[in-house]
Amino acid sequence: MKCLVLALESILKDKTINSEVFDRKKRKVMDKFKKVQEVIASVEADVAKFYDNGNAAAGTRVRKAMQDLKVLAQDIRTEVTEKKNSEK
């Protein structure tokens, strides 16, 4: 009986650890998604400056923001793929 109790405690501990890991990963992805939204909002004015006024410096900022978005998007894609594959 003691063996069964120890086994159940071990299983529950593993589930708790897995849940904590999942929560951490979810928070990480959500933080990155929020950062994507912030980058898009912050670059909106520079897009207008570049296309409406031909401001070259604004164009450089737009290109940098797009590169940042690319990196964030790839990180999110990787996390989503890992989660999807771990559920199989």
Protein backbone atom coordinates (compact mmCIF):
# COMPACT_ATOMS: atom_id res chain seq x y z
CA MET A 1 0.00 0.00 0.00
CA LYS A 2 2.84 2.39 0.84
CA CYS A 3 4.28 1.71 -2.61
CA LEU A 4 0.99 2.74 -4.23
CA VAL A 5 0.87 5.96 -2.22
CA LEU A 6 4.45 6.81 -3.22
CA ALA A 7 3.66 6.09 -6.87
CA LEU A 8 0.56 8.32 -6.77
CA GLU A 9 2.52 11.11 -5.08
CA SER A 10 5.18 10.83 -7.78
CA ILE A 11 2.57 11.01 -10.55
CA LEU A 12 0.89 14.03 -8.98
CA LYS A 13 4.25 15.74 -8.53
CA ASP A 14 5.10 15.12 -12.20
CA LYS A 15 1.72 16.51 -13.30
CA THR A 16 2.26 19.58 -11.13
CA ILE A 17 5.71 20.12 -12.62
CA ASN A 18 4.36 19.65 -16.16
CA SER A 19 1.56 22.09 -15.40
CA GLU A 20 4.05 24.66 -14.13
CA VAL A 21 6.21 24.21 -17.23
CA PHE A 22 3.13 24.59 -19.45
CA ASP A 23 2.07 27.74 -17.59
CA ARG A 24 5.56 29.20 -17.97
CA LYS A 25 5.66 28.44 -21.70
CA LYS A 26 2.14 29.83 -22.19
CA ARG A 27 3.11 33.03 -20.38
CA LYS A 28 6.26 33.27 -22.51
CA VAL A 29 4.30 32.93 -25.77
CA MET A 30 1.64 35.39 -24.62
CA ASP A 31 4.36 37.89 -23.67
CA LYS A 32 5.88 37.56 -27.14
CA PHE A 33 2.47 37.99 -28.75
CA LYS A 34 1.90 41.14 -26.70
CA LYS A 35 5.32 42.38 -27.85
CA VAL A 36 4.25 41.78 -31.48
CA GLN A 37 1.21 43.97 -30.89
CA GLU A 38 3.35 46.67 -29.26
CA VAL A 39 5.86 46.70 -32.13
CA ILE A 40 3.06 47.02 -34.70
CA ALA A 41 1.48 49.88 -32.77
CA SER A 42 4.79 51.67 -32.33
CA VAL A 43 5.82 51.48 -36.00
CA GLU A 44 2.50 52.71 -37.41
CA ALA A 45 3.54 56.37 -37.30
CA ASP A 46 6.88 55.60 -38.97
CA VAL A 47 5.10 53.77 -41.80
CA ALA A 48 3.01 56.87 -42.44
CA LYS A 49 6.07 59.15 -42.25
CA PHE A 50 7.94 56.99 -44.74
CA TYR A 51 5.17 56.52 -47.30
CA ASP A 52 3.50 59.93 -46.98
CA ASN A 53 6.54 62.16 -46.51
CA GLY A 54 9.40 60.05 -47.86
CA ASN A 55 11.24 60.19 -44.52
CA ALA A 56 14.20 57.81 -45.02
CA ALA A 57 14.97 57.52 -41.30
CA ALA A 58 11.40 56.39 -40.69
CA GLY A 59 11.88 53.77 -43.41
CA THR A 60 14.92 52.44 -41.56
CA ARG A 61 12.89 52.20 -38.35
CA VAL A 62 10.13 50.35 -40.23
CA ARG A 63 12.63 47.84 -41.61
CA LYS A 64 14.10 47.26 -38.14
CA ALA A 65 10.63 46.79 -36.64
CA MET A 66 9.76 44.29 -39.38
CA GLN A 67 12.93 42.33 -38.60
CA ASP A 68 11.99 42.30 -34.90
CA LEU A 69 8.52 41.04 -35.84
CA LYS A 70 10.04 38.30 -37.96
CA VAL A 71 12.14 37.07 -35.02
CA LEU A 72 9.21 37.22 -32.60
CA ALA A 73 6.92 35.42 -35.05
CA GLN A 74 9.46 32.64 -35.57
CA ASP A 75 9.84 32.20 -31.80
CA ILE A 76 6.07 31.93 -31.41
CA ARG A 77 5.83 29.46 -34.31
CA THR A 78 8.51 27.29 -32.70
CA GLU A 79 6.71 27.26 -29.34
CA VAL A 80 3.37 26.42 -30.98
CA THR A 81 4.93 23.57 -32.97
CA GLU A 82 6.58 22.15 -29.84
CA LYS A 83 3.28 22.20 -27.96
CA LYS A 84 1.40 20.66 -30.88
CA ASN A 85 3.93 17.86 -31.24
CA SER A 86 4.06 17.15 -27.50
CA GLU A 87 0.30 16.48 -27.46
CA LYS A 88 0.59 13.62 -29.96
